[in-house]
């Protein structure tokens, strides 16, 4: 009887750990819709529509490989910048065995960290974390990408945070 109860407790605890959200999703959920934050979620279906609409004007093979783009940015005129540091909230809690750090830029008032999660030799997820006194942003791009394609994305999207992708260019 004792073994059965211990086994049931173990199964319940295992289920609870799988139900926990990842760090990135938790931060998006925490700040989405809050005053002073801008949140943009672009689904894979919307990205495919963009790709189809632009097909005749330029190569959109890369855009059609994206499954999701999420952006969370603290607005500059917000009265909360000094109390919020997205870099500390996300980067410090990430499982570093899953993400590979591609680039870090440290300035006196801002840190930019670019991380990737690989799957089968391709990039399955790109994270750009910007933390600092004036800028706080978190960008998550999911799909099936190559590093060279991500640098091209910097010019295609004129959104806050994507300008940091230009640093990946050759």
C-alpha atoms as a PDB file:
ATOM      1  CA  UNK A   1       0.000   0.000   0.000  1.00  0.00           C
ATOM      2  CA  UNK A   2       2.852   2.340   0.893  1.00  0.00           C
ATOM      3  CA  UNK A   3       4.477   1.774  -2.528  1.00  0.00           C
ATOM      4  CA  UNK A   4       1.215   2.544  -4.333  1.00  0.00           C
ATOM      5  CA  UNK A   5       0.761   5.849  -2.481  1.00  0.00           C
ATOM      6  CA  UNK A   6       4.376   6.865  -3.113  1.00  0.00           C
ATOM      7  CA  UNK A   7       3.959   5.913  -6.777  1.00  0.00           C
ATOM      8  CA  UNK A   8       0.776   8.007  -7.101  1.00  0.00           C
ATOM      9  CA  UNK A   9       2.465  10.998  -5.474  1.00  0.00           C
ATOM     10  CA  UNK A  10       5.369  10.624  -7.897  1.00  0.00           C
ATOM     11  CA  UNK A  11       3.022  10.535 -10.897  1.00  0.00           C
ATOM     12  CA  UNK A  12       1.147  13.617  -9.659  1.00  0.00           C
ATOM     13  CA  UNK A  13       4.366  15.577  -9.095  1.00  0.00           C
ATOM     14  CA  UNK A  14       5.661  14.599 -12.539  1.00  0.00           C
ATOM     15  CA  UNK A  15       2.439  15.838 -14.126  1.00  0.00           C
ATOM     16  CA  UNK A  16       2.719  19.134 -12.272  1.00  0.00           C
ATOM     17  CA  UNK A  17       6.222  19.800 -13.562  1.00  0.00           C
ATOM     18  CA  UNK A  18       5.146  19.171 -17.158  1.00  0.00           C
ATOM     19  CA  UNK A  19       2.225  21.590 -16.708  1.00  0.00           C
ATOM     20  CA  UNK A  20       4.506  24.516 -15.831  1.00  0.00           C
ATOM     21  CA  UNK A  21       4.980  27.149 -18.520  1.00  0.00           C
ATOM     22  CA  UNK A  22       8.368  27.935 -19.927  1.00  0.00           C
ATOM     23  CA  UNK A  23      10.064  31.132 -18.752  1.00  0.00           C
ATOM     24  CA  UNK A  24       9.438  33.050 -21.982  1.00  0.00           C
ATOM     25  CA  UNK A  25       5.705  32.294 -22.045  1.00  0.00           C
ATOM     26  CA  UNK A  26       5.406  33.179 -18.359  1.00  0.00           C
ATOM     27  CA  UNK A  27       6.935  36.621 -18.964  1.00  0.00           C
ATOM     28  CA  UNK A  28       4.687  37.239 -21.983  1.00  0.00           C
ATOM     29  CA  UNK A  29       1.638  36.238 -19.914  1.00  0.00           C
ATOM     30  CA  UNK A  30       2.763  38.414 -16.985  1.00  0.00           C
ATOM     31  CA  UNK A  31       3.060  41.644 -18.989  1.00  0.00           C
ATOM     32  CA  UNK A  32       0.700  41.192 -21.972  1.00  0.00           C
ATOM     33  CA  UNK A  33      -2.058  43.773 -21.802  1.00  0.00           C
ATOM     34  CA  UNK A  34      -0.460  45.717 -18.963  1.00  0.00           C
ATOM     35  CA  UNK A  35      -0.208  49.467 -19.141  1.00  0.00           C
ATOM     36  CA  UNK A  36       3.126  50.592 -20.566  1.00  0.00           C
ATOM     37  CA  UNK A  37       3.718  47.419 -22.579  1.00  0.00           C
ATOM     38  CA  UNK A  38       3.212  46.673 -26.241  1.00  0.00           C
ATOM     39  CA  UNK A  39       2.662  43.039 -27.147  1.00  0.00           C
ATOM     40  CA  UNK A  40       2.557  41.708 -30.690  1.00  0.00           C
ATOM     41  CA  UNK A  41       1.714  38.080 -31.503  1.00  0.00           C
ATOM     42  CA  UNK A  42       1.874  37.015 -35.132  1.00  0.00           C
ATOM     43  CA  UNK A  43       0.664  33.498 -35.834  1.00  0.00           C
ATOM     44  CA  UNK A  44       2.105  31.157 -38.431  1.00  0.00           C
ATOM     45  CA  UNK A  45      -1.096  31.469 -40.479  1.00  0.00           C
ATOM     46  CA  UNK A  46      -0.733  35.256 -40.622  1.00  0.00           C
ATOM     47  CA  UNK A  47       2.924  34.936 -41.606  1.00  0.00           C
ATOM     48  CA  UNK A  48       1.933  32.577 -44.432  1.00  0.00           C
ATOM     49  CA  UNK A  49      -0.631  35.135 -45.633  1.00  0.00           C
ATOM     50  CA  UNK A  50       2.107  37.801 -45.628  1.00  0.00           C
ATOM     51  CA  UNK A  51       4.325  35.463 -47.631  1.00  0.00           C
ATOM     52  CA  UNK A  52       1.587  34.784 -50.192  1.00  0.00           C
ATOM     53  CA  UNK A  53       0.795  38.479 -50.560  1.00  0.00           C
ATOM     54  CA  UNK A  54       4.459  39.369 -51.081  1.00  0.00           C
ATOM     55  CA  UNK A  55       5.313  36.361 -53.252  1.00  0.00           C
ATOM     56  CA  UNK A  56       5.438  38.260 -56.534  1.00  0.00           C
ATOM     57  CA  UNK A  57       7.557  41.116 -55.188  1.00  0.00           C
ATOM     58  CA  UNK A  58      10.385  39.237 -53.466  1.00  0.00           C
ATOM     59  CA  UNK A  59      11.570  35.896 -52.150  1.00  0.00           C
ATOM     60  CA  UNK A  60       9.374  34.920 -49.210  1.00  0.00           C
ATOM     61  CA  UNK A  61      10.585  31.382 -48.638  1.00  0.00           C
ATOM     62  CA  UNK A  62      11.964  32.330 -45.245  1.00  0.00           C
ATOM     63  CA  UNK A  63       8.798  34.052 -44.003  1.00  0.00           C
ATOM     64  CA  UNK A  64       6.723  30.983 -44.802  1.00  0.00           C
ATOM     65  CA  UNK A  65       8.995  28.854 -42.566  1.00  0.00           C
ATOM     66  CA  UNK A  66       8.137  30.877 -39.460  1.00  0.00           C
ATOM     67  CA  UNK A  67       5.466  29.477 -37.177  1.00  0.00           C
ATOM     68  CA  UNK A  68       5.202  32.301 -34.638  1.00  0.00           C
ATOM     69  CA  UNK A  69       6.616  35.720 -33.802  1.00  0.00           C
ATOM     70  CA  UNK A  70       6.008  37.286 -30.381  1.00  0.00           C
ATOM     71  CA  UNK A  71       7.239  40.683 -29.273  1.00  0.00           C
ATOM     72  CA  UNK A  72       6.983  42.248 -25.834  1.00  0.00           C
ATOM     73  CA  UNK A  73       8.317  45.772 -25.450  1.00  0.00           C
ATOM     74  CA  UNK A  74       8.231  48.276 -22.625  1.00  0.00           C
ATOM     75  CA  UNK A  75       7.184  51.664 -23.964  1.00  0.00           C
ATOM     76  CA  UNK A  76       9.779  54.406 -23.527  1.00  0.00           C
ATOM     77  CA  UNK A  77       7.377  56.916 -21.988  1.00  0.00           C
ATOM     78  CA  UNK A  78       6.263  54.387 -19.377  1.00  0.00           C
ATOM     79  CA  UNK A  79       6.848  55.237 -15.726  1.00  0.00           C
ATOM     80  CA  UNK A  80       8.045  51.672 -14.927  1.00  0.00           C
ATOM     81  CA  UNK A  81      11.394  51.346 -16.760  1.00  0.00           C
ATOM     82  CA  UNK A  82      13.573  51.525 -13.656  1.00  0.00           C
ATOM     83  CA  UNK A  83      11.735  48.673 -11.946  1.00  0.00           C
ATOM     84  CA  UNK A  84      11.545  46.227 -14.870  1.00  0.00           C
ATOM     85  CA  UNK A  85      14.472  44.321 -16.346  1.00  0.00           C
ATOM     86  CA  UNK A  86      13.338  41.721 -18.887  1.00  0.00           C
ATOM     87  CA  UNK A  87      16.901  40.456 -19.228  1.00  0.00           C
ATOM     88  CA  UNK A  88      16.978  39.461 -15.580  1.00  0.00           C
ATOM     89  CA  UNK A  89      13.468  38.007 -15.693  1.00  0.00           C
ATOM     90  CA  UNK A  90      14.119  35.820 -18.728  1.00  0.00           C
ATOM     91  CA  UNK A  91      17.819  35.156 -19.204  1.00  0.00           C
ATOM     92  CA  UNK A  92      18.636  34.375 -15.587  1.00  0.00           C
ATOM     93  CA  UNK A  93      15.863  31.741 -15.474  1.00  0.00           C
ATOM     94  CA  UNK A  94      16.410  30.107 -18.888  1.00  0.00           C
ATOM     95  CA  UNK A  95      17.625  26.533 -19.152  1.00  0.00           C
ATOM     96  CA  UNK A  96      21.078  27.214 -20.644  1.00  0.00           C
ATOM     97  CA  UNK A  97      21.404  23.584 -21.739  1.00  0.00           C
ATOM     98  CA  UNK A  98      18.582  24.146 -24.236  1.00  0.00           C
ATOM     99  CA  UNK A  99      19.601  27.569 -25.606  1.00  0.00           C
ATOM    100  CA  UNK A 100      22.885  28.505 -27.258  1.00  0.00           C
ATOM    101  CA  UNK A 101      24.086  32.071 -26.793  1.00  0.00           C
ATOM    102  CA  UNK A 102      24.937  33.511 -30.206  1.00  0.00           C
ATOM    103  CA  UNK A 103      25.789  37.065 -29.282  1.00  0.00           C
ATOM    104  CA  UNK A 104      25.911  39.383 -26.297  1.00  0.00           C
ATOM    105  CA  UNK A 105      26.278  43.130 -26.507  1.00  0.00           C
ATOM    106  CA  UNK A 106      26.842  44.973 -23.234  1.00  0.00           C
ATOM    107  CA  UNK A 107      26.682  48.711 -23.075  1.00  0.00           C
ATOM    108  CA  UNK A 108      26.600  50.978 -20.060  1.00  0.00           C
ATOM    109  CA  UNK A 109      22.810  51.259 -20.113  1.00  0.00           C
ATOM    110  CA  UNK A 110      21.685  48.221 -22.139  1.00  0.00           C
ATOM    111  CA  UNK A 111      22.333  44.504 -22.620  1.00  0.00           C
ATOM    112  CA  UNK A 112      21.313  42.617 -25.769  1.00  0.00           C
ATOM    113  CA  UNK A 113      21.451  38.831 -25.757  1.00  0.00           C
ATOM    114  CA  UNK A 114      20.640  36.717 -28.803  1.00  0.00           C
ATOM    115  CA  UNK A 115      19.993  33.029 -28.140  1.00  0.00           C
ATOM    116  CA  UNK A 116      18.899  30.127 -30.326  1.00  0.00           C
ATOM    117  CA  UNK A 117      17.428  26.714 -29.711  1.00  0.00           C
ATOM    118  CA  UNK A 118      18.461  24.222 -32.369  1.00  0.00           C
ATOM    119  CA  UNK A 119      16.698  21.154 -33.676  1.00  0.00           C
ATOM    120  CA  UNK A 120      18.256  18.824 -36.253  1.00  0.00           C
ATOM    121  CA  UNK A 121      20.947  21.362 -37.155  1.00  0.00           C
ATOM    122  CA  UNK A 122      18.457  24.145 -37.856  1.00  0.00           C
ATOM    123  CA  UNK A 123      17.204  26.922 -35.622  1.00  0.00           C
ATOM    124  CA  UNK A 124      13.813  26.170 -34.077  1.00  0.00           C
ATOM    125  CA  UNK A 125      13.639  29.259 -31.876  1.00  0.00           C
ATOM    126  CA  UNK A 126      15.347  32.629 -31.716  1.00  0.00           C
ATOM    127  CA  UNK A 127      15.238  34.785 -28.590  1.00  0.00           C
ATOM    128  CA  UNK A 128      16.350  38.387 -28.462  1.00  0.00           C
ATOM    129  CA  UNK A 129      16.429  39.798 -24.958  1.00  0.00           C
ATOM    130  CA  UNK A 130      17.017  43.509 -24.516  1.00  0.00           C
ATOM    131  CA  UNK A 131      17.334  44.801 -20.990  1.00  0.00           C
ATOM    132  CA  UNK A 132      18.428  48.118 -19.673  1.00  0.00           C
ATOM    133  CA  UNK A 133      17.541  51.503 -18.347  1.00  0.00           C
ATOM    134  CA  UNK A 134      15.797  52.762 -21.495  1.00  0.00           C
ATOM    135  CA  UNK A 135      15.044  49.624 -23.521  1.00  0.00           C
ATOM    136  CA  UNK A 136      13.339  46.446 -22.428  1.00  0.00           C
ATOM    137  CA  UNK A 137      12.150  44.027 -25.080  1.00  0.00           C
ATOM    138  CA  UNK A 138      11.708  40.320 -25.588  1.00  0.00           C
ATOM    139  CA  UNK A 139      11.365  38.822 -29.057  1.00  0.00           C
ATOM    140  CA  UNK A 140      10.659  35.168 -29.692  1.00  0.00           C
ATOM    141  CA  UNK A 141      10.667  33.766 -33.227  1.00  0.00           C
ATOM    142  CA  UNK A 142       9.751  30.118 -33.784  1.00  0.00           C
ATOM    143  CA  UNK A 143      10.049  28.141 -36.993  1.00  0.00           C
ATOM    144  CA  UNK A 144      12.600  26.347 -39.124  1.00  0.00           C
ATOM    145  CA  UNK A 145      15.408  28.790 -39.896  1.00  0.00           C
ATOM    146  CA  UNK A 146      19.045  29.186 -40.802  1.00  0.00           C
ATOM    147  CA  UNK A 147      21.259  31.787 -39.144  1.00  0.00           C
ATOM    148  CA  UNK A 148      21.808  33.593 -42.457  1.00  0.00           C
ATOM    149  CA  UNK A 149      18.047  33.935 -42.926  1.00  0.00           C
ATOM    150  CA  UNK A 150      17.649  35.654 -39.577  1.00  0.00           C
ATOM    151  CA  UNK A 151      20.003  38.470 -40.528  1.00  0.00           C
ATOM    152  CA  UNK A 152      17.802  39.082 -43.590  1.00  0.00           C
ATOM    153  CA  UNK A 153      14.794  39.343 -41.301  1.00  0.00           C
ATOM    154  CA  UNK A 154      16.258  42.496 -39.741  1.00  0.00           C
ATOM    155  CA  UNK A 155      15.522  44.493 -42.888  1.00  0.00           C
ATOM    156  CA  UNK A 156      12.092  42.960 -43.507  1.00  0.00           C
ATOM    157  CA  UNK A 157      10.499  43.845 -40.160  1.00  0.00           C
ATOM    158  CA  UNK A 158      10.534  47.433 -38.966  1.00  0.00           C
ATOM    159  CA  UNK A 159       9.618  46.615 -35.357  1.00  0.00           C
ATOM    160  CA  UNK A 160      11.372  47.468 -32.131  1.00  0.00           C
ATOM    161  CA  UNK A 161      14.044  44.916 -31.318  1.00  0.00           C
ATOM    162  CA  UNK A 162      14.449  43.456 -34.792  1.00  0.00           C
ATOM    163  CA  UNK A 163      17.178  46.004 -35.508  1.00  0.00           C
ATOM    164  CA  UNK A 164      19.419  43.923 -33.199  1.00  0.00           C
ATOM    165  CA  UNK A 165      19.311  41.092 -35.758  1.00  0.00           C
ATOM    166  CA  UNK A 166      21.507  43.203 -38.059  1.00  0.00           C
ATOM    167  CA  UNK A 167      24.374  42.288 -35.739  1.00  0.00           C
ATOM    168  CA  UNK A 168      24.145  38.715 -37.078  1.00  0.00           C
ATOM    169  CA  UNK A 169      25.113  39.790 -40.589  1.00  0.00           C
ATOM    170  CA  UNK A 170      28.453  38.592 -41.932  1.00  0.00           C
END
